[in-house]
Amino acid sequence: MQKRIFHILFFATSLLLTFSLFPQTYAAETKFTVVIDAGHGGHDPGAVGRRGKEKNINLSVALKLGRLIKQNCPDTKVVYTREKDVFIPLHRRAEIANDAKADLFISIHTNSIASRSSKVSGTETYTLGLHRTEENLEVAKKENAVILIEDDYKQRYAGFNPNSAESYIIFEFLQDKNMAQSVNFATAVQRCFRNANRTNKGVHQAGFLVLRATSMPSVLIELGYITNPTEESFLLSEQGSSTLAQSIYRAFLNYKGEKVAGSTRLMAVENAAPPMETPDTPEVEASEVTTTPAKQAASRSNEVSPAGKPVFKIQILTSDRKLSPKSKQFKGLSPVDSYKEKGIIKYTYGSDTNYNKILRLKRSKVDSKFKDAFIIAFKDGVKMNINQAIREFKQNR
């Protein structure tokens, strides 16, 4: 009897040791959680085309993306905000992501414009922030308008009016600690779309309520224009939805691999100026800067600051290859300077220790050519925080 008990105890102890030493043999350890949000749903169709509805396109791509991740990433937990045609309020979508303690939030949408016969096409990816163009504002208005069909939206969203430009002022004061990582993923998404021969409309920022309430890196993807008949056919097709899902999946693999490995390498997207920088501010005689951008990695410029003063420049575009000084992509601006940051070549126009002169130059010569251009600063050849540069400029006046 004692011998039998000994064998049982020995077997049990061996089993426990096996599970403790080799747990991956029996169950994959969850290292990453992604929340996939199919925009709209239920009695909210989203944008409507000639043959389809946005809510169905979003859900099709979201489910395909989730299946790809589940099939190929056993260490990743996939959470959906909806898996069928139901209405989920914007605040609840963010709550789902926060409750899941997600590492990444992906909100999937389909774009539209007023004209049903429009030829406008292309994919674009947004991160949270202050819109820099009227076009970006209109996209945010359309996506935020869903709150109007929620019964208690005035109380729940503190009087936010999605159709009022004044309501979006709040996004100017947001200090998003996840901005850099959100931009990393957004740029990866756009690059993968471009590799799949989709028209690349770049990475932008705007005031999306569904992104504001999330506590992790978050993006909102516009898959294409349902108001373009050709693009609508692509979006509704099995091949189209699969291509889009696979593109987002490839970007996800890139982002997740870098995050789990402890690095965040920024990928290049042509003409996609990362919105980590401070949005345009009034001339400093009139206003203080109120936002704090993400910490910038040290990037060197060949120019040395006069007497250690910050030098302000206008960043106009980025590229993964060296462009000729006479490249048409500069749209006639000359001379153009460049610097390299995390393997990406970034091009700038103008250079002055006077912030106000650069701001006026941007408004008069650059904004009409590059809508997403923004001001950066260097000190002693090293890129610096733009808010700190402006403060030093004011102190030196």
Protein backbone atom coordinates (compact mmCIF):
# COMPACT_ATOMS: atom_id res chain seq x y z
CA MET A 1 0.00 0.00 0.00
CA GLN A 2 2.80 2.41 0.95
CA LYS A 3 4.58 1.58 -2.31
CA ARG A 4 1.40 2.40 -4.28
CA ILE A 5 1.00 5.74 -2.49
CA PHE A 6 4.65 6.54 -3.22
CA HIS A 7 4.13 5.90 -6.95
CA ILE A 8 1.02 8.09 -6.99
CA LEU A 9 2.85 10.94 -5.23
CA PHE A 10 5.84 10.55 -7.54
CA PHE A 11 3.57 10.71 -10.61
CA ALA A 12 1.72 13.78 -9.30
CA THR A 13 4.96 15.56 -8.45
CA SER A 14 6.40 14.80 -11.89
CA LEU A 15 3.26 16.14 -13.55
CA LEU A 16 3.39 19.38 -11.57
CA LEU A 17 7.06 19.86 -12.41
CA THR A 18 6.35 19.25 -16.08
CA PHE A 19 3.64 21.95 -16.15
CA SER A 20 5.73 24.44 -14.19
CA LEU A 21 8.89 23.94 -16.24
CA PHE A 22 7.29 23.67 -19.66
CA PRO A 23 3.94 25.54 -19.58
CA GLN A 24 4.24 26.54 -23.25
CA THR A 25 3.84 22.88 -24.21
CA TYR A 26 0.24 22.89 -23.05
CA ALA A 27 -0.99 26.46 -23.51
CA ALA A 28 0.40 29.49 -25.27
CA GLU A 29 1.15 32.36 -22.94
CA THR A 30 -0.82 35.48 -23.80
CA LYS A 31 1.68 38.27 -24.31
CA PHE A 32 -0.43 40.70 -26.33
CA THR A 33 -4.09 41.75 -26.47
CA VAL A 34 -5.60 43.52 -29.47
CA VAL A 35 -9.10 44.95 -29.63
CA ILE A 36 -10.63 45.13 -33.12
CA ASP A 37 -13.48 47.60 -33.48
CA ALA A 38 -15.81 47.31 -36.49
CA GLY A 39 -17.27 50.80 -36.76
CA HIS A 40 -21.05 51.44 -36.75
CA GLY A 41 -23.56 48.56 -36.75
CA GLY A 42 -27.22 47.76 -36.05
CA HIS A 43 -29.46 50.76 -36.68
CA ASP A 44 -26.35 52.83 -37.50
CA PRO A 45 -25.37 51.90 -41.08
CA GLY A 46 -22.51 54.40 -41.32
CA ALA A 47 -21.79 55.61 -44.85
CA VAL A 48 -24.06 54.21 -47.54
CA GLY A 49 -23.05 53.50 -51.13
CA ARG A 50 -24.98 52.40 -54.18
CA ARG A 51 -24.91 48.73 -53.22
CA GLY A 52 -23.48 48.44 -49.74
CA LYS A 53 -23.31 49.84 -46.22
CA GLU A 54 -20.25 50.79 -44.26
CA LYS A 55 -21.20 48.74 -41.19
CA ASN A 56 -21.05 45.49 -43.20
CA ILE A 57 -17.73 46.30 -44.87
CA ASN A 58 -16.17 47.20 -41.52
CA LEU A 59 -17.38 43.98 -39.89
CA SER A 60 -16.20 41.78 -42.76
CA VAL A 61 -12.65 43.17 -42.61
CA ALA A 62 -12.58 43.15 -38.79
CA LEU A 63 -13.55 39.48 -38.56
CA LYS A 64 -11.06 38.48 -41.27
CA LEU A 65 -8.31 40.38 -39.45
CA GLY A 66 -9.20 38.71 -36.16
CA ARG A 67 -9.14 35.25 -37.73
CA LEU A 68 -5.70 35.85 -39.23
CA ILE A 69 -4.33 36.90 -35.85
CA LYS A 70 -5.96 33.98 -34.01
CA GLN A 71 -4.69 31.44 -36.53
CA ASN A 72 -1.12 32.68 -36.61
CA CYS A 73 -0.47 34.34 -33.26
CA PRO A 74 -1.24 31.89 -30.42
CA ASP A 75 0.22 34.30 -27.87
CA THR A 76 -2.26 37.03 -28.81
CA LYS A 77 -5.76 37.52 -27.43
CA VAL A 78 -8.26 38.99 -29.90
CA VAL A 79 -11.22 40.95 -28.54
CA TYR A 80 -13.97 42.33 -30.78
CA THR A 81 -16.20 45.26 -29.88
CA ARG A 82 -18.84 43.52 -32.02
CA GLU A 83 -18.95 40.26 -33.98
CA LYS A 84 -22.38 40.76 -35.54
CA ASP A 85 -24.68 43.49 -36.79
CA VAL A 86 -25.43 45.28 -33.51
CA PHE A 87 -25.12 48.88 -32.36
CA ILE A 88 -22.38 49.63 -29.82
CA PRO A 89 -22.09 53.20 -28.43
CA LEU A 90 -18.72 54.90 -28.86
CA HIS A 91 -18.04 55.07 -25.14
CA ARG A 92 -18.71 51.33 -24.79
CA ARG A 93 -16.19 50.49 -27.52
CA ALA A 94 -13.48 52.30 -25.57
CA GLU A 95 -14.60 50.62 -22.34
CA ILE A 96 -14.23 47.19 -23.94
CA ALA A 97 -10.64 48.00 -24.88
CA ASN A 98 -9.80 49.42 -21.47
CA ASP A 99 -11.42 46.52 -19.61
CA ALA A 100 -9.40 44.07 -21.71
CA LYS A 101 -6.20 45.97 -20.82
CA ALA A 102 -5.45 45.92 -24.53
CA ASP A 103 -2.04 46.64 -26.00
CA LEU A 104 -3.54 47.98 -29.22
CA PHE A 105 -6.93 49.29 -30.39
CA ILE A 106 -7.83 49.14 -34.10
CA SER A 107 -11.02 50.87 -35.21
CA ILE A 108 -12.06 50.01 -38.77
CA HIS A 109 -14.18 52.36 -40.90
CA THR A 110 -15.08 53.19 -44.49
CA ASN A 111 -14.87 56.71 -45.89
CA SER A 112 -17.31 58.75 -47.99
CA ILE A 113 -17.86 62.19 -49.46
CA ALA A 114 -21.04 63.97 -50.55
CA SER A 115 -20.87 63.09 -54.26
CA ARG A 116 -21.94 59.51 -55.05
CA SER A 117 -20.13 59.66 -58.41
CA SER A 118 -16.87 60.84 -56.89
CA LYS A 119 -13.56 59.48 -58.11
CA VAL A 120 -11.86 60.15 -54.76
CA SER A 121 -10.26 56.93 -53.50
CA GLY A 122 -7.62 55.63 -51.13
CA THR A 123 -6.88 54.46 -47.61
CA GLU A 124 -5.82 56.62 -44.71
CA THR A 125 -5.12 56.00 -41.04
CA TYR A 126 -5.77 58.43 -38.19
CA THR A 127 -4.37 58.87 -34.72
CA LEU A 128 -5.88 61.06 -32.03
CA GLY A 129 -5.12 64.77 -32.11
CA LEU A 130 -6.11 68.17 -33.36
CA HIS A 131 -7.19 68.17 -37.00
CA ARG A 132 -4.85 70.18 -39.21
CA THR A 133 -7.07 70.48 -42.28
CA GLU A 134 -10.77 70.92 -42.95
CA GLU A 135 -10.77 67.55 -44.69
CA ASN A 136 -9.54 65.83 -41.52
CA LEU A 137 -12.17 67.67 -39.49
CA GLU A 138 -14.94 66.48 -41.81
CA VAL A 139 -13.81 62.86 -41.41
CA ALA A 140 -13.91 63.23 -37.62
CA LYS A 141 -17.36 64.86 -37.76
CA LYS A 142 -18.78 61.96 -39.76
CA GLU A 143 -17.41 59.31 -37.43
CA ASN A 144 -18.35 61.19 -34.24
CA ALA A 145 -21.90 61.90 -35.43
CA VAL A 146 -22.91 58.40 -34.30
CA ILE A 147 -23.30 59.74 -30.74
CA LEU A 148 -26.36 61.71 -31.87
CA ILE A 149 -28.40 58.50 -31.94
CA GLU A 150 -27.45 57.69 -28.36
CA ASP A 151 -30.16 58.73 -25.89
CA ASP A 152 -27.93 60.37 -23.30
CA TYR A 153 -25.14 61.72 -25.48
CA LYS A 154 -25.27 65.28 -24.09
CA GLN A 155 -24.63 64.06 -20.55
CA ARG A 156 -22.28 61.21 -21.41
CA TYR A 157 -20.07 63.28 -23.74
CA ALA A 158 -20.24 66.46 -21.64
CA GLY A 159 -22.10 68.52 -24.21
CA PHE A 160 -19.77 67.61 -27.09
CA ASN A 161 -21.37 68.55 -30.43
CA PRO A 162 -19.82 66.53 -33.28
CA ASN A 163 -20.98 69.11 -35.84
CA SER A 164 -19.45 72.11 -34.09
CA ALA A 165 -15.85 73.02 -34.89
CA GLU A 166 -15.59 74.69 -31.47
CA SER A 167 -16.10 71.35 -29.71
CA TYR A 168 -12.86 70.07 -31.22
CA ILE A 169 -10.75 72.63 -29.41
CA ILE A 170 -10.46 70.12 -26.55
CA PHE A 171 -8.23 67.93 -28.69
CA GLU A 172 -5.61 70.68 -28.84
CA PHE A 173 -4.92 70.20 -25.14
CA LEU A 174 -4.68 66.42 -25.10
CA GLN A 175 -1.34 64.99 -24.04
CA ASP A 176 -1.42 61.48 -25.43
CA LYS A 177 1.34 59.32 -23.94
CA ASN A 178 0.57 56.67 -26.57
CA MET A 179 0.93 59.00 -29.56
CA ALA A 180 4.36 57.79 -30.72
CA GLN A 181 3.31 54.13 -30.71
CA SER A 182 0.00 54.97 -32.39
CA VAL A 183 1.90 56.72 -35.16
CA ASN A 184 4.26 53.76 -35.51
CA PHE A 185 1.37 51.39 -36.11
CA ALA A 186 -0.49 53.84 -38.36
CA THR A 187 2.53 54.28 -40.60
CA ALA A 188 2.97 50.50 -40.79
CA VAL A 189 -0.68 50.13 -41.84
CA GLN A 190 -0.36 52.68 -44.62
CA ARG A 191 2.87 51.14 -45.87
CA CYS A 192 1.22 47.72 -46.09
CA PHE A 193 -1.76 49.19 -47.91
CA ARG A 194 0.62 50.83 -50.37
CA ASN A 195 2.41 47.52 -50.90
CA ALA A 196 -0.98 46.00 -51.73
CA ASN A 197 -1.42 48.63 -54.48
CA ARG A 198 -3.98 50.69 -52.60
CA THR A 199 -3.88 54.47 -53.00
CA ASN A 200 -2.02 55.86 -50.00
CA LYS A 201 -3.64 58.96 -48.49
CA GLY A 202 -1.24 58.98 -45.57
CA VAL A 203 -1.32 59.20 -41.79
CA HIS A 204 -3.24 62.05 -40.18
CA GLN A 205 -4.59 63.13 -36.82
CA ALA A 206 -8.07 64.32 -35.88
CA GLY A 207 -10.46 64.44 -32.94
CA PHE A 208 -12.13 61.02 -32.78
CA LEU A 209 -14.15 60.38 -29.62
CA VAL A 210 -13.64 56.61 -29.85
CA LEU A 211 -9.86 57.11 -29.66
CA ARG A 212 -9.95 59.78 -26.97
CA ALA A 213 -11.22 57.44 -24.25
CA THR A 214 -8.86 54.52 -24.91
CA SER A 215 -5.81 54.03 -22.67
CA MET A 216 -3.55 52.28 -25.17
CA PRO A 217 -2.04 52.98 -28.63
CA SER A 218 -5.05 53.41 -30.93
CA VAL A 219 -5.76 54.10 -34.60
CA LEU A 220 -8.80 54.60 -36.80
CA ILE A 221 -8.46 53.16 -40.31
CA GLU A 222 -10.50 54.39 -43.29
CA LEU A 223 -10.48 51.46 -45.74
CA GLY A 224 -11.60 53.41 -48.81
CA TYR A 225 -14.47 55.42 -50.27
CA ILE A 226 -17.85 53.74 -50.52
CA THR A 227 -19.02 56.74 -52.60
CA ASN A 228 -16.57 55.80 -55.37
CA PRO A 229 -18.36 53.09 -57.42
CA THR A 230 -15.11 51.34 -58.37
CA GLU A 231 -13.78 51.37 -54.82
CA GLU A 232 -17.16 50.30 -53.44
CA SER A 233 -17.06 47.18 -55.63
CA PHE A 234 -13.60 46.40 -54.28
CA LEU A 235 -14.67 46.95 -50.66
CA LEU A 236 -17.70 44.68 -51.08
CA SER A 237 -15.79 41.89 -52.79
CA GLU A 238 -14.29 38.91 -51.00
CA GLN A 239 -10.93 39.64 -52.57
CA GLY A 240 -11.07 43.28 -51.52
CA SER A 241 -11.95 42.67 -47.88
CA SER A 242 -9.33 39.90 -47.68
CA THR A 243 -6.63 42.14 -49.17
CA LEU A 244 -7.40 44.91 -46.69
CA ALA A 245 -7.47 42.52 -43.72
CA GLN A 246 -4.18 40.94 -44.76
CA SER A 247 -2.55 44.36 -45.08
CA ILE A 248 -3.60 45.36 -41.55
CA TYR A 249 -2.49 41.93 -40.31
CA ARG A 250 1.01 42.39 -41.77
CA ALA A 251 1.27 45.79 -40.11
CA PHE A 252 0.10 44.21 -36.85
CA LEU A 253 2.80 41.52 -37.02
CA ASN A 254 5.44 44.19 -37.56
CA TYR A 255 4.19 46.36 -34.72
CA LYS A 256 3.63 43.52 -32.26
CA GLY A 257 7.01 41.96 -32.96
CA GLU A 258 8.75 45.24 -32.24
CA LYS A 259 6.70 46.00 -29.14
CA VAL A 260 7.16 42.55 -27.60
CA ALA A 261 10.87 42.76 -28.39
CA GLY A 262 11.00 46.11 -26.63
CA SER A 263 11.66 48.31 -29.64
CA THR A 264 9.51 50.64 -31.70
CA ARG A 265 11.09 51.26 -35.08
CA LEU A 266 9.22 53.85 -37.13
CA MET A 267 8.42 52.77 -40.70
CA ALA A 268 8.28 55.23 -43.58
CA VAL A 269 5.15 56.39 -45.30
CA GLU A 270 5.52 58.87 -48.13
CA ASN A 271 4.12 62.31 -47.26
CA ALA A 272 2.90 61.11 -43.85
CA ALA A 273 4.29 63.63 -41.40
CA PRO A 274 4.01 62.00 -37.96
CA PRO A 275 1.61 64.02 -35.81
CA MET A 276 3.79 63.66 -32.74
CA GLU A 277 4.80 67.28 -33.13
CA THR A 278 2.94 70.23 -31.67
CA PRO A 279 0.15 71.48 -33.97
CA ASP A 280 0.57 74.98 -35.34
CA THR A 281 0.39 77.61 -32.64
CA PRO A 282 -0.15 81.35 -32.95
CA GLU A 283 2.91 83.56 -33.02
CA VAL A 284 4.46 83.35 -29.59
CA GLU A 285 3.90 87.03 -28.79
CA ALA A 286 0.19 86.19 -28.69
CA SER A 287 -0.02 82.73 -27.19
CA GLU A 288 1.72 80.12 -25.10
CA VAL A 289 2.12 76.57 -26.39
CA THR A 290 -0.25 74.31 -24.46
CA THR A 291 0.51 70.78 -25.65
CA THR A 292 3.44 68.54 -24.84
CA PRO A 293 4.59 66.25 -27.66
CA ALA A 294 6.11 62.82 -27.17
CA LYS A 295 9.80 62.76 -26.34
CA GLN A 296 11.82 63.01 -29.52
CA ALA A 297 14.65 60.68 -30.35
CA ALA A 298 17.92 62.51 -30.92
CA SER A 299 18.28 63.21 -34.63
CA ARG A 300 21.11 65.22 -36.05
CA SER A 301 21.14 68.04 -38.55
CA ASN A 302 24.25 69.34 -40.29
CA GLU A 303 23.42 72.85 -39.18
CA VAL A 304 24.92 74.19 -35.94
CA SER A 305 22.72 76.57 -33.93
CA PRO A 306 24.03 80.16 -33.73
CA ALA A 307 25.18 80.75 -30.14
CA GLY A 308 23.35 77.64 -28.98
CA LYS A 309 19.94 78.96 -30.03
CA PRO A 310 17.19 76.68 -31.38
CA VAL A 311 16.85 76.61 -35.16
CA PHE A 312 13.29 76.18 -36.47
CA LYS A 313 12.47 74.35 -39.70
CA ILE A 314 9.36 73.15 -41.53
CA GLN A 315 9.15 69.40 -42.07
CA ILE A 316 7.34 68.78 -45.36
CA LEU A 317 7.62 65.05 -46.11
CA THR A 318 9.35 61.79 -45.29
CA SER A 319 10.78 59.09 -47.53
CA ASP A 320 12.52 55.75 -47.27
CA ARG A 321 14.95 56.79 -50.02
CA LYS A 322 17.12 59.77 -50.90
CA LEU A 323 15.38 62.23 -53.23
CA SER A 324 17.03 64.48 -55.77
CA PRO A 325 17.15 68.18 -54.76
CA LYS A 326 15.13 68.84 -57.93
CA SER A 327 12.52 66.16 -57.20
CA LYS A 328 8.97 67.05 -58.19
CA GLN A 329 7.86 65.80 -54.78
CA PHE A 330 9.18 69.04 -53.26
CA LYS A 331 6.59 70.94 -55.34
CA GLY A 332 8.94 73.75 -56.25
CA LEU A 333 10.27 74.47 -52.75
CA SER A 334 14.01 75.13 -52.70
CA PRO A 335 16.44 74.78 -51.08
CA VAL A 336 15.32 71.70 -49.16
CA ASP A 337 17.32 70.21 -46.30
CA SER A 338 17.10 66.68 -44.86
CA TYR A 339 17.96 64.69 -41.75
CA LYS A 340 17.71 61.00 -40.86
CA GLU A 341 15.65 59.66 -37.96
CA LYS A 342 15.23 55.96 -37.16
CA GLY A 343 16.22 55.03 -40.69
CA ILE A 344 13.78 57.44 -42.33
CA ILE A 345 14.88 60.45 -44.38
CA LYS A 346 12.90 63.55 -43.45
CA TYR A 347 12.89 66.71 -45.56
CA THR A 348 12.62 70.27 -44.30
CA TYR A 349 12.19 73.72 -45.79
CA GLY A 350 13.32 77.00 -44.28
CA SER A 351 15.66 77.59 -41.36
CA ASP A 352 15.69 80.41 -38.84
CA THR A 353 16.20 81.07 -35.14
CA ASN A 354 13.07 83.24 -35.25
CA TYR A 355 10.05 80.98 -34.72
CA ASN A 356 7.62 83.63 -35.98
CA LYS A 357 9.44 83.95 -39.31
CA ILE A 358 9.25 80.19 -39.86
CA LEU A 359 5.57 80.15 -38.89
CA ARG A 360 4.82 82.93 -41.40
CA LEU A 361 6.87 81.12 -44.05
CA LYS A 362 4.87 77.95 -43.44
CA ARG A 363 1.57 79.78 -43.81
CA SER A 364 2.57 81.74 -46.90
CA LYS A 365 4.53 79.14 -48.93
CA VAL A 366 4.14 75.66 -47.48
CA ASP A 367 0.60 75.04 -46.27
CA SER A 368 -0.90 75.24 -49.76
CA LYS A 369 1.55 72.59 -51.00
CA PHE A 370 1.90 70.32 -47.94
CA LYS A 371 -1.20 70.26 -45.75
CA ASP A 372 0.43 68.10 -43.09
CA ALA A 373 3.67 70.09 -42.78
CA PHE A 374 4.74 71.10 -39.27
CA ILE A 375 7.50 72.97 -37.49
CA ILE A 376 10.42 71.21 -35.79
CA ALA A 377 13.52 72.50 -34.02
CA PHE A 378 17.20 71.65 -33.67
CA LYS A 379 19.78 72.85 -31.17
CA ASP A 380 23.47 72.35 -31.82
CA GLY A 381 22.50 69.98 -34.62
CA VAL A 382 20.28 67.76 -32.43
CA LYS A 383 16.50 67.61 -32.75
CA MET A 384 14.77 68.95 -29.66
CA ASN A 385 11.32 69.25 -28.11
CA ILE A 386 9.45 71.94 -30.06
CA ASN A 387 7.75 73.37 -26.95
CA GLN A 388 11.10 73.76 -25.20
CA ALA A 389 12.51 75.40 -28.33
CA ILE A 390 9.68 77.94 -28.40
CA ARG A 391 10.14 78.69 -24.70
CA GLU A 392 13.85 79.33 -25.28
CA PHE A 393 13.01 81.54 -28.25
CA LYS A 394 10.75 83.67 -26.03
CA GLN A 395 13.39 83.88 -23.31
CA ASN A 396 16.07 84.98 -25.79
CA ARG A 397 13.98 87.79 -27.28
